[in-house]
N, C-alpha and C. Protein backbone atom coordinates (compact mmCIF):
# COMPACT_ATOMS: atom_id res chain seq x y z
N UNK A 1 -7.65 -26.73 25.89
CA UNK A 1 -8.34 -25.46 25.12
C UNK A 1 -7.73 -25.80 23.52
N UNK A 2 -6.90 -26.62 23.66
CA UNK A 2 -6.23 -26.22 21.87
C UNK A 2 -5.70 -25.42 21.23
N UNK A 3 -3.88 -24.83 21.88
CA UNK A 3 -3.50 -24.19 21.42
C UNK A 3 -3.17 -23.90 19.95
N UNK A 4 -2.76 -22.90 19.35
CA UNK A 4 -2.03 -23.00 18.24
C UNK A 4 -0.85 -24.18 17.95
N UNK A 5 -0.43 -24.56 18.31
CA UNK A 5 0.73 -25.62 18.29
C UNK A 5 -0.07 -27.15 18.30
N UNK A 6 -1.33 -27.27 18.80
CA UNK A 6 -1.79 -28.52 18.10
C UNK A 6 -2.35 -28.93 17.28
N UNK A 7 -2.82 -27.62 16.26
CA UNK A 7 -3.28 -27.84 15.13
C UNK A 7 -2.15 -28.59 13.87
N UNK A 8 -0.95 -28.45 14.09
CA UNK A 8 -0.01 -29.01 12.78
C UNK A 8 1.30 -30.37 13.99
N UNK A 9 1.00 -31.02 12.99
CA UNK A 9 1.73 -32.52 14.12
C UNK A 9 3.32 -31.87 13.37
N UNK A 10 3.88 -32.67 13.78
CA UNK A 10 6.01 -32.23 13.92
C UNK A 10 5.76 -32.22 12.83
N UNK A 11 5.40 -33.11 11.93
CA UNK A 11 5.45 -33.38 10.53
C UNK A 11 5.27 -32.39 10.11
N UNK A 12 4.10 -31.95 9.92
CA UNK A 12 3.32 -30.36 9.24
C UNK A 12 4.32 -29.37 9.29
N UNK A 13 4.89 -29.19 10.93
CA UNK A 13 5.97 -27.99 11.26
C UNK A 13 7.00 -28.26 10.53
N UNK A 14 7.72 -29.60 10.73
CA UNK A 14 8.76 -29.96 9.74
C UNK A 14 9.07 -29.22 8.94
N UNK A 15 7.80 -29.85 7.75
CA UNK A 15 7.77 -29.56 6.26
C UNK A 15 7.78 -27.91 5.95
N UNK A 16 6.83 -27.07 6.53
CA UNK A 16 6.66 -25.80 6.66
C UNK A 16 8.27 -24.89 6.32
N UNK A 17 8.44 -25.35 7.70
CA UNK A 17 10.00 -25.22 8.20
C UNK A 17 11.02 -25.25 6.74
N UNK A 18 10.84 -26.27 6.12
CA UNK A 18 12.19 -26.65 5.14
C UNK A 18 11.77 -25.92 3.79
N UNK A 19 10.13 -25.64 3.90
CA UNK A 19 9.79 -24.92 2.52
C UNK A 19 9.49 -23.51 3.14
N UNK A 20 9.71 -22.68 4.29
CA UNK A 20 9.67 -21.56 4.22
C UNK A 20 10.94 -21.32 4.50
N UNK A 21 11.51 -19.50 4.87
CA UNK A 21 12.90 -19.17 5.74
C UNK A 21 12.31 -18.44 7.09
N UNK A 22 11.25 -19.54 7.70
CA UNK A 22 10.77 -19.63 8.86
C UNK A 22 11.46 -21.31 9.73
N UNK A 23 11.46 -20.38 11.37
CA UNK A 23 11.73 -21.78 12.41
C UNK A 23 10.14 -21.91 12.36
N UNK A 24 10.32 -23.27 13.25
CA UNK A 24 9.32 -23.42 13.62
C UNK A 24 7.79 -23.14 14.70
N UNK A 25 8.91 -21.65 15.35
CA UNK A 25 7.86 -20.84 16.61
C UNK A 25 7.86 -19.68 15.66
N UNK A 26 8.41 -19.10 14.71
CA UNK A 26 7.90 -18.40 13.68
C UNK A 26 6.70 -18.31 12.90
N UNK A 27 6.46 -20.18 12.83
CA UNK A 27 5.39 -20.74 11.91
C UNK A 27 4.29 -20.18 12.48
N UNK A 28 4.62 -20.88 13.54
CA UNK A 28 3.22 -20.88 15.05
C UNK A 28 2.52 -19.57 14.96
N UNK A 29 3.80 -18.25 14.83
CA UNK A 29 3.30 -17.08 15.34
C UNK A 29 2.47 -16.47 13.73
N UNK A 30 2.76 -16.86 12.64
CA UNK A 30 2.67 -16.71 11.57
C UNK A 30 1.19 -17.20 11.88
N UNK A 31 0.98 -18.48 11.90
CA UNK A 31 -0.56 -18.90 11.80
C UNK A 31 -1.48 -18.31 12.92
N UNK A 32 -1.25 -17.66 13.96
CA UNK A 32 -1.74 -17.20 15.20
C UNK A 32 -2.44 -15.78 14.66
N UNK A 33 -1.46 -15.22 13.73
CA UNK A 33 -1.57 -13.83 13.12
C UNK A 33 -2.99 -14.43 12.13
N UNK A 34 -2.61 -15.38 11.05
CA UNK A 34 -3.90 -15.81 10.61
C UNK A 34 -4.89 -15.94 10.70
N UNK A 35 -4.77 -16.63 11.65
CA UNK A 35 -6.39 -16.88 12.99
C UNK A 35 -6.78 -15.89 13.38
N UNK A 36 -5.96 -14.55 13.84
CA UNK A 36 -6.14 -13.54 14.42
C UNK A 36 -6.93 -12.47 13.23
N UNK A 37 -6.49 -12.93 11.98
CA UNK A 37 -7.36 -12.05 10.87
C UNK A 37 -8.56 -11.96 10.75
N UNK A 38 -9.07 -13.61 10.89
CA UNK A 38 -10.77 -14.02 10.80
C UNK A 38 -11.27 -14.19 12.55
N UNK A 39 -10.85 -13.47 13.57
CA UNK A 39 -11.27 -13.16 15.18
C UNK A 39 -11.03 -14.77 15.10
N UNK A 40 -10.48 -15.53 15.26
CA UNK A 40 -10.43 -16.92 15.31
C UNK A 40 -11.44 -17.75 15.00
N UNK A 41 -11.79 -17.54 13.49
CA UNK A 41 -12.68 -18.51 12.66
C UNK A 41 -11.91 -19.16 11.79
N UNK A 42 -10.55 -19.47 11.93
CA UNK A 42 -10.35 -20.07 10.95
C UNK A 42 -9.20 -20.50 11.34
N UNK A 43 -9.34 -21.63 12.76
CA UNK A 43 -8.40 -22.55 12.91
C UNK A 43 -8.39 -23.62 12.33
N UNK A 44 -9.14 -24.08 11.72
CA UNK A 44 -8.43 -25.27 10.60
C UNK A 44 -7.44 -25.04 9.42
N UNK A 45 -7.32 -26.30 10.26
CA UNK A 45 -5.90 -26.06 8.61
C UNK A 45 -6.18 -25.67 7.26
N UNK A 46 -7.38 -26.28 6.64
CA UNK A 46 -7.41 -25.88 5.71
C UNK A 46 -8.50 -24.48 5.33
N UNK A 47 -8.74 -23.81 6.65
CA UNK A 47 -9.20 -22.43 6.73
C UNK A 47 -8.69 -21.53 5.49
N UNK A 48 -9.67 -20.93 5.10
CA UNK A 48 -9.32 -19.87 4.19
C UNK A 48 -10.04 -18.71 4.38
N UNK A 49 -8.92 -17.63 4.20
CA UNK A 49 -9.77 -16.19 4.64
C UNK A 49 -10.00 -15.59 3.57
N UNK A 50 -11.17 -14.28 3.53
CA UNK A 50 -10.92 -13.65 2.54
C UNK A 50 -9.58 -12.38 2.09
N UNK A 51 -9.05 -12.53 0.78
CA UNK A 51 -8.10 -11.55 0.12
C UNK A 51 -8.32 -10.05 1.26
N UNK A 52 -9.94 -10.09 0.98
CA UNK A 52 -10.42 -8.08 0.87
C UNK A 52 -10.08 -8.21 2.94
N UNK A 53 -10.05 -9.26 3.39
CA UNK A 53 -9.82 -8.80 4.94
C UNK A 53 -8.22 -9.14 4.75
N UNK A 54 -7.62 -9.60 4.38
CA UNK A 54 -6.53 -9.61 5.17
C UNK A 54 -5.64 -7.91 4.22
N UNK A 55 -5.77 -7.67 3.04
CA UNK A 55 -5.49 -6.71 2.81
C UNK A 55 -6.45 -5.23 3.75
N UNK A 56 -7.24 -5.39 3.90
CA UNK A 56 -7.63 -4.26 4.76
C UNK A 56 -7.01 -4.26 6.57
N UNK A 57 -6.93 -5.86 7.21
CA UNK A 57 -6.69 -5.96 8.45
C UNK A 57 -5.26 -6.26 8.63
N UNK A 58 -4.72 -6.19 7.52
CA UNK A 58 -3.21 -6.96 8.14
C UNK A 58 -2.21 -5.83 8.05
N UNK A 59 -1.98 -4.75 9.40
CA UNK A 59 -1.20 -3.90 9.32
C UNK A 59 -0.75 -3.25 8.35
N UNK A 60 0.46 -3.96 8.28
CA UNK A 60 1.47 -4.19 6.99
C UNK A 60 1.22 -3.98 5.77
N UNK A 61 0.14 -4.45 5.26
CA UNK A 61 -0.98 -4.93 4.18
C UNK A 61 -1.51 -2.92 3.82
N UNK A 62 -2.06 -3.15 4.67
CA UNK A 62 -3.21 -1.83 4.60
C UNK A 62 -3.15 -0.42 4.20
N UNK A 63 -1.30 -0.13 4.01
CA UNK A 63 -0.98 1.09 3.07
C UNK A 63 -0.12 0.63 2.01
N UNK A 64 -0.04 -0.48 2.15
CA UNK A 64 0.90 -0.90 0.66
C UNK A 64 0.24 -0.55 -0.27
N UNK A 65 0.59 -0.06 -1.54
CA UNK A 65 -0.63 0.40 -2.65
C UNK A 65 -0.74 -0.83 -3.52
N UNK A 66 0.37 -1.55 -3.16
CA UNK A 66 0.68 -3.20 -4.11
C UNK A 66 -0.57 -3.99 -3.41
N UNK A 67 -1.35 -4.06 -2.27
CA UNK A 67 -1.40 -5.09 -1.29
C UNK A 67 -2.45 -5.71 -2.12
N UNK A 68 -3.55 -5.30 -3.29
CA UNK A 68 -4.02 -6.60 -3.87
C UNK A 68 -3.21 -7.02 -5.02
N UNK A 69 -1.95 -6.76 -5.26
CA UNK A 69 -1.17 -7.74 -6.42
C UNK A 69 -0.61 -8.65 -5.64
N UNK A 70 0.16 -8.01 -4.55
CA UNK A 70 0.50 -9.24 -3.32
C UNK A 70 -0.50 -10.28 -3.43
N UNK A 71 -1.55 -10.35 -2.62
CA UNK A 71 -2.34 -10.89 -2.54
C UNK A 71 -2.54 -11.86 -3.74
N UNK A 72 -2.99 -11.15 -4.85
CA UNK A 72 -2.78 -11.88 -5.90
C UNK A 72 -1.83 -13.28 -5.96
N UNK A 73 -1.33 -12.67 -6.62
CA UNK A 73 0.39 -13.22 -6.75
C UNK A 73 0.88 -14.44 -5.74
N UNK A 74 0.20 -14.44 -4.38
CA UNK A 74 0.26 -15.53 -3.45
C UNK A 74 -0.84 -16.04 -2.78
N UNK A 75 -1.59 -15.79 -3.49
CA UNK A 75 -3.14 -16.74 -3.57
C UNK A 75 -3.20 -18.03 -4.85
N UNK A 76 -3.29 -19.06 -3.95
CA UNK A 76 -3.21 -20.42 -5.04
C UNK A 76 -4.31 -20.48 -5.40
N UNK A 77 -5.53 -19.81 -5.60
CA UNK A 77 -6.92 -20.13 -5.77
C UNK A 77 -7.62 -18.98 -6.45
N UNK A 78 -8.67 -18.84 -7.38
CA UNK A 78 -8.78 -17.45 -8.19
C UNK A 78 -10.06 -17.51 -7.25
N UNK A 79 -10.80 -17.48 -5.81
CA UNK A 79 -11.65 -17.49 -5.19
C UNK A 79 -12.26 -16.46 -4.36
N UNK A 80 -10.66 -15.56 -4.40
CA UNK A 80 -10.69 -14.50 -3.58
C UNK A 80 -10.52 -14.57 -2.43
N UNK A 81 -9.75 -16.08 -2.40
CA UNK A 81 -9.13 -15.97 -0.44
C UNK A 81 -7.60 -16.75 -0.71
N UNK A 82 -7.00 -16.86 0.64
CA UNK A 82 -5.86 -17.14 0.67
C UNK A 82 -5.96 -18.28 1.90
N UNK A 83 -5.65 -19.45 1.79
CA UNK A 83 -5.28 -20.45 2.92
C UNK A 83 -4.29 -19.89 3.66
N UNK A 84 -3.96 -20.78 4.74
CA UNK A 84 -2.70 -20.50 5.59
C UNK A 84 -2.04 -20.65 4.31
N UNK A 85 -1.37 -21.78 3.98
CA UNK A 85 -0.35 -22.05 3.40
C UNK A 85 0.35 -20.32 2.30
N UNK A 86 -0.60 -20.36 1.68
CA UNK A 86 -0.32 -19.11 1.06
C UNK A 86 -0.19 -17.94 1.27
N UNK A 87 -0.45 -17.64 2.85
CA UNK A 87 -0.41 -16.64 3.63
C UNK A 87 1.01 -16.98 4.29
N UNK A 88 1.81 -17.92 4.90
CA UNK A 88 3.18 -18.47 5.19
C UNK A 88 3.60 -18.13 4.08
N UNK A 89 3.45 -18.45 2.94
CA UNK A 89 4.62 -18.30 2.05
C UNK A 89 4.94 -16.57 1.75
N UNK A 90 3.53 -15.96 1.75
CA UNK A 90 3.70 -14.73 1.45
C UNK A 90 4.49 -14.30 2.67
N UNK A 91 3.77 -14.57 4.15
CA UNK A 91 4.80 -13.83 5.12
C UNK A 91 6.73 -14.22 5.06
N UNK A 92 6.66 -15.71 4.50
CA UNK A 92 8.40 -15.92 4.52
C UNK A 92 8.96 -15.22 3.09
N UNK A 93 8.55 -15.11 1.89
CA UNK A 93 9.14 -14.17 1.20
C UNK A 93 9.20 -13.23 1.75
N UNK A 94 8.40 -12.35 2.36
CA UNK A 94 8.84 -10.98 2.82
C UNK A 94 9.31 -10.87 4.32
N UNK A 95 9.51 -12.16 4.75
CA UNK A 95 10.97 -11.86 5.95
C UNK A 95 12.20 -11.72 5.49
N UNK A 96 12.89 -11.23 6.76
CA UNK A 96 14.31 -10.59 6.55
C UNK A 96 15.06 -12.09 6.38
N UNK A 97 14.87 -12.99 6.26
CA UNK A 97 15.58 -14.40 6.08
C UNK A 97 15.57 -14.81 5.00
N UNK A 98 14.43 -14.58 4.04
CA UNK A 98 14.56 -14.80 2.53
C UNK A 98 15.45 -14.19 1.83
N UNK A 99 16.00 -15.02 0.85
CA UNK A 99 17.13 -14.31 -0.28
C UNK A 99 16.85 -12.89 -0.85
N UNK A 100 17.71 -12.53 -1.27
CA UNK A 100 17.27 -11.32 -2.53
C UNK A 100 16.42 -11.92 -3.61
N UNK A 101 17.48 -13.08 -3.88
CA UNK A 101 16.47 -13.55 -5.16
C UNK A 101 14.87 -14.05 -5.12
N UNK A 102 14.68 -14.84 -4.08
CA UNK A 102 13.07 -14.77 -4.19
C UNK A 102 12.52 -13.95 -3.89
N UNK A 103 13.07 -12.79 -3.25
CA UNK A 103 11.96 -11.20 -3.23
C UNK A 103 12.31 -10.86 -4.64
N UNK A 104 13.50 -11.00 -5.61
CA UNK A 104 13.46 -9.99 -6.70
C UNK A 104 11.98 -10.49 -7.29
N UNK A 105 12.05 -11.92 -7.43
CA UNK A 105 11.37 -12.97 -8.12
C UNK A 105 9.91 -12.57 -7.83
N UNK A 106 9.51 -12.64 -6.53
CA UNK A 106 8.25 -11.64 -6.66
C UNK A 106 8.07 -10.63 -6.62
N UNK A 107 8.59 -9.76 -6.82
CA UNK A 107 8.31 -8.56 -7.01
C UNK A 107 8.32 -7.91 -8.15
N UNK A 108 8.96 -8.92 -9.47
CA UNK A 108 8.55 -8.92 -10.64
C UNK A 108 7.24 -8.87 -10.62
N UNK A 109 7.17 -10.32 -10.19
CA UNK A 109 5.46 -10.84 -10.73
C UNK A 109 4.48 -9.99 -10.09
N UNK A 110 4.49 -9.54 -8.81
CA UNK A 110 3.64 -8.15 -8.70
C UNK A 110 3.59 -7.28 -9.60
N UNK A 111 4.75 -6.59 -9.83
CA UNK A 111 4.81 -5.08 -10.55
C UNK A 111 4.13 -5.67 -12.35
N UNK A 112 3.87 -7.06 -12.29
CA UNK A 112 4.01 -7.42 -13.75
C UNK A 112 2.25 -7.76 -13.65
N UNK A 113 1.72 -6.85 -13.97
CA UNK A 113 0.19 -6.59 -13.26
C UNK A 113 -0.65 -7.23 -14.71
N UNK A 114 -0.08 -7.20 -15.93
CA UNK A 114 -0.92 -7.90 -17.02
C UNK A 114 -0.58 -9.38 -17.17
N UNK A 115 0.29 -9.68 -16.13
CA UNK A 115 1.05 -11.23 -16.35
C UNK A 115 1.51 -11.99 -17.48
N UNK A 116 2.61 -10.80 -18.43
CA UNK A 116 2.89 -11.77 -19.63
C UNK A 116 4.15 -11.87 -19.45
N UNK A 117 4.57 -12.03 -18.15
CA UNK A 117 6.28 -12.16 -18.39
C UNK A 117 7.20 -11.25 -18.25
N UNK A 118 6.70 -10.13 -18.84
CA UNK A 118 7.59 -8.84 -18.88
C UNK A 118 6.78 -7.99 -18.67
N UNK A 119 7.77 -6.94 -17.52
CA UNK A 119 7.17 -5.54 -17.04
C UNK A 119 7.43 -4.24 -18.46
N UNK A 120 6.17 -3.78 -18.88
CA UNK A 120 6.14 -3.01 -20.24
C UNK A 120 5.88 -1.98 -19.44
N UNK A 121 5.34 -1.04 -20.71
CA UNK A 121 5.26 0.50 -19.88
C UNK A 121 3.80 0.48 -19.39
N UNK A 122 2.96 -0.24 -19.47
CA UNK A 122 1.52 0.09 -18.83
C UNK A 122 2.03 -0.66 -17.79
N UNK A 123 2.96 -1.43 -17.58
CA UNK A 123 3.18 -1.91 -16.21
C UNK A 123 3.64 -0.74 -15.31
N UNK A 124 4.65 -0.23 -15.73
CA UNK A 124 5.45 0.73 -15.51
C UNK A 124 4.79 1.83 -14.68
N UNK A 125 3.77 2.23 -15.72
CA UNK A 125 3.07 3.58 -15.36
C UNK A 125 2.06 3.22 -14.77
N UNK A 126 1.04 1.73 -14.22
CA UNK A 126 0.57 1.49 -13.19
C UNK A 126 1.52 1.25 -11.90
N UNK A 127 2.57 0.73 -12.15
CA UNK A 127 3.46 1.26 -10.42
C UNK A 127 3.48 2.64 -10.41
N UNK A 128 4.10 3.42 -10.99
CA UNK A 128 4.35 4.67 -10.53
C UNK A 128 3.12 5.41 -10.28
N UNK A 129 1.92 5.55 -11.16
CA UNK A 129 0.79 5.79 -10.74
C UNK A 129 0.26 5.19 -8.90
N UNK A 130 0.46 3.92 -8.79
CA UNK A 130 0.58 3.56 -7.29
C UNK A 130 0.99 4.05 -6.38
N UNK A 131 2.69 4.31 -6.73
CA UNK A 131 3.46 4.99 -5.87
C UNK A 131 3.20 5.94 -5.55
N UNK A 132 2.54 7.31 -6.70
CA UNK A 132 2.63 8.90 -6.32
C UNK A 132 1.27 8.68 -5.83
N UNK A 133 0.45 7.92 -5.72
CA UNK A 133 -1.27 8.40 -5.31
C UNK A 133 -1.63 8.94 -6.12
N UNK A 134 -2.20 10.01 -5.08
CA UNK A 134 -2.94 11.26 -5.55
C UNK A 134 -2.07 12.29 -7.01
N UNK A 135 -1.05 12.25 -6.77
CA UNK A 135 0.05 13.41 -7.08
C UNK A 135 0.65 12.43 -8.56
N UNK A 136 -0.15 12.24 -9.22
CA UNK A 136 -0.09 11.58 -10.42
C UNK A 136 0.55 12.53 -11.73
N UNK A 137 1.65 11.89 -11.98
CA UNK A 137 2.33 12.61 -13.46
C UNK A 137 1.73 13.16 -14.15
N UNK A 138 1.99 14.31 -15.14
CA UNK A 138 1.79 14.31 -16.19
C UNK A 138 1.84 13.23 -17.19
N UNK A 139 1.35 13.27 -18.72
CA UNK A 139 1.36 12.25 -19.14
C UNK A 139 2.57 12.25 -20.19
N UNK A 140 3.29 13.71 -19.93
CA UNK A 140 4.94 14.09 -20.47
C UNK A 140 6.03 13.59 -19.58
N UNK A 141 5.78 13.71 -18.20
CA UNK A 141 6.55 13.38 -16.98
C UNK A 141 6.52 11.76 -17.21
N UNK A 142 5.48 11.22 -17.25
CA UNK A 142 5.17 9.70 -17.05
C UNK A 142 6.24 8.96 -18.50
N UNK A 143 5.69 9.72 -19.23
CA UNK A 143 6.57 8.99 -20.66
C UNK A 143 8.25 8.90 -20.64
N UNK A 144 8.62 10.44 -20.07
CA UNK A 144 10.08 10.59 -19.55
C UNK A 144 10.32 9.62 -18.71
N UNK A 145 9.76 9.39 -17.84
CA UNK A 145 9.92 8.28 -16.24
C UNK A 145 10.21 7.42 -16.99
N UNK A 146 8.69 7.20 -17.85
CA UNK A 146 9.46 5.28 -18.81
C UNK A 146 10.91 5.29 -19.56
N UNK A 147 10.70 6.30 -20.41
CA UNK A 147 11.64 6.55 -21.45
C UNK A 147 13.01 6.38 -20.29
N UNK A 148 12.91 6.45 -19.84
CA UNK A 148 14.29 7.09 -18.61
C UNK A 148 14.68 5.64 -17.92
N UNK A 149 13.51 4.93 -17.38
CA UNK A 149 13.82 3.77 -17.26
C UNK A 149 14.23 2.32 -18.24
N UNK A 150 13.44 2.69 -19.25
CA UNK A 150 14.18 1.82 -20.52
C UNK A 150 15.17 1.80 -20.88
N UNK A 151 15.58 2.98 -21.25
CA UNK A 151 16.95 4.00 -21.82
C UNK A 151 18.19 3.21 -20.64
N UNK A 152 17.86 3.33 -18.86
CA UNK A 152 18.49 2.39 -18.10
C UNK A 152 18.70 0.91 -18.02
N UNK A 153 17.81 0.21 -18.11
CA UNK A 153 17.07 -0.86 -18.01
C UNK A 153 16.94 -2.15 -18.85
N UNK A 154 16.31 -1.12 -20.20
CA UNK A 154 15.94 -2.03 -21.20
C UNK A 154 16.97 -2.63 -22.18
N UNK A 155 18.08 -3.56 -21.96
CA UNK A 155 19.24 -4.02 -22.33
C UNK A 155 18.91 -4.25 -23.82
N UNK A 156 18.15 -4.94 -24.16
CA UNK A 156 17.82 -5.49 -25.57
C UNK A 156 16.61 -5.18 -26.53
N UNK A 157 16.35 -3.36 -26.42
CA UNK A 157 15.62 -2.60 -26.62
C UNK A 157 14.55 -2.98 -27.33
N UNK A 158 13.73 -3.62 -26.49
CA UNK A 158 12.23 -4.16 -26.82
C UNK A 158 11.29 -3.47 -26.46
N UNK A 159 11.27 -2.41 -25.30
CA UNK A 159 10.85 -1.26 -24.91
C UNK A 159 9.87 -2.59 -23.42
N UNK A 160 10.34 -3.10 -23.26
CA UNK A 160 10.07 -4.06 -21.78
C UNK A 160 10.91 -4.52 -20.92
N UNK A 161 11.18 -4.81 -19.80
CA UNK A 161 12.05 -5.49 -18.88
C UNK A 161 12.04 -6.61 -18.48
N UNK A 162 12.74 -7.52 -19.14
CA UNK A 162 12.29 -8.87 -18.83
C UNK A 162 13.15 -9.19 -17.07
N UNK A 163 13.04 -10.61 -16.60
CA UNK A 163 13.24 -10.85 -15.35
C UNK A 163 14.41 -10.55 -15.57
N UNK A 164 15.52 -11.19 -16.15
CA UNK A 164 16.78 -10.36 -15.92
C UNK A 164 16.99 -8.81 -15.72
N UNK A 165 16.39 -8.60 -16.74
CA UNK A 165 16.63 -7.03 -16.72
C UNK A 165 16.25 -6.12 -15.50
N UNK A 166 14.97 -6.92 -15.09
CA UNK A 166 14.48 -6.42 -14.18
C UNK A 166 15.39 -6.35 -12.89
N UNK A 167 15.70 -7.72 -12.83
CA UNK A 167 17.04 -7.80 -11.53
C UNK A 167 18.07 -7.53 -11.70
N UNK A 168 18.46 -7.03 -12.77
CA UNK A 168 20.14 -6.18 -12.85
C UNK A 168 19.37 -5.08 -12.79
N UNK A 169 18.27 -3.82 -12.54
CA UNK A 169 18.32 -2.90 -12.37
C UNK A 169 17.74 -3.25 -10.43
N UNK A 170 17.47 -3.95 -10.04
CA UNK A 170 17.25 -4.44 -8.65
C UNK A 170 18.29 -4.47 -7.98
N UNK A 171 19.56 -5.26 -8.41
CA UNK A 171 20.64 -5.22 -7.68
C UNK A 171 21.50 -3.87 -7.43
N UNK A 172 20.82 -2.95 -8.21
CA UNK A 172 21.36 -1.44 -7.93
C UNK A 172 20.97 -0.70 -7.04
N UNK A 173 19.75 -1.03 -6.17
CA UNK A 173 18.78 -0.58 -5.47
C UNK A 173 18.72 -0.75 -4.18
N UNK A 174 19.43 0.19 -3.56
CA UNK A 174 20.30 -0.34 -1.99
C UNK A 174 19.16 -0.69 -1.17
N UNK A 175 17.73 0.27 -1.18
CA UNK A 175 16.95 -0.20 -0.48
C UNK A 175 15.82 -1.18 -0.66
N UNK A 176 16.26 -1.74 -1.54
CA UNK A 176 14.86 -3.19 -1.94
C UNK A 176 14.94 -4.01 -0.96
N UNK A 177 15.40 -4.32 -0.30
CA UNK A 177 15.77 -5.59 0.79
C UNK A 177 15.27 -4.99 1.81
N UNK A 178 14.99 -3.79 1.85
CA UNK A 178 14.33 -3.15 3.50
C UNK A 178 13.07 -2.82 3.44
N UNK A 179 12.69 -2.39 2.51
CA UNK A 179 11.51 -2.07 1.58
C UNK A 179 10.42 -3.41 1.46
N UNK A 180 11.43 -4.58 0.96
CA UNK A 180 10.27 -6.04 0.25
C UNK A 180 10.41 -6.70 1.99
N UNK A 181 9.76 -6.27 2.78
CA UNK A 181 9.90 -6.89 4.46
C UNK A 181 8.78 -6.88 5.03
N UNK A 182 8.58 -7.78 5.58
CA UNK A 182 7.67 -7.65 6.23
C UNK A 182 7.57 -8.38 7.84
N UNK A 183 8.06 -7.71 9.57
CA UNK A 183 8.30 -8.33 10.20
C UNK A 183 7.51 -8.80 11.27
N UNK A 184 7.97 -9.84 11.24
CA UNK A 184 6.95 -10.53 12.97
C UNK A 184 6.97 -9.70 13.73
């Protein structure tokens, strides 16, 4: 019948294991989940799945307010799809075995909505709006929150957070590793 294992050569599994934080068994499990998202149609190695399907059907992303950004950051193409390798990278970074430094790097990219390599007040406003959902803050409360964040974290007073400043803030967040995780 051609099970999941037969789609990859031993060398490909070795390569994936070298490039991710997964064992070969976990890689095969991630592939099974990828195929299931397309109801079994994405069995070929070079198959791509629409990002919409991943955002809407992957239970761990379905309720995540950053699901569109997560998929965009991990997708290697601009055609609204994810390859298995993109999906594997995403699942690997969100795995329990990925180091904090890797998770912080991707969190920064996810929160950098305008992709200008800093987290600006507009980026922070978008983060807060997504986290608060329908309970948006008033303009005054939003500005106060952003001012407080910058006062605490913007070490060079340029009204934005560089990667180093973001990394410093995250290092103080005890729940970061727990919240930036998808369990297989």
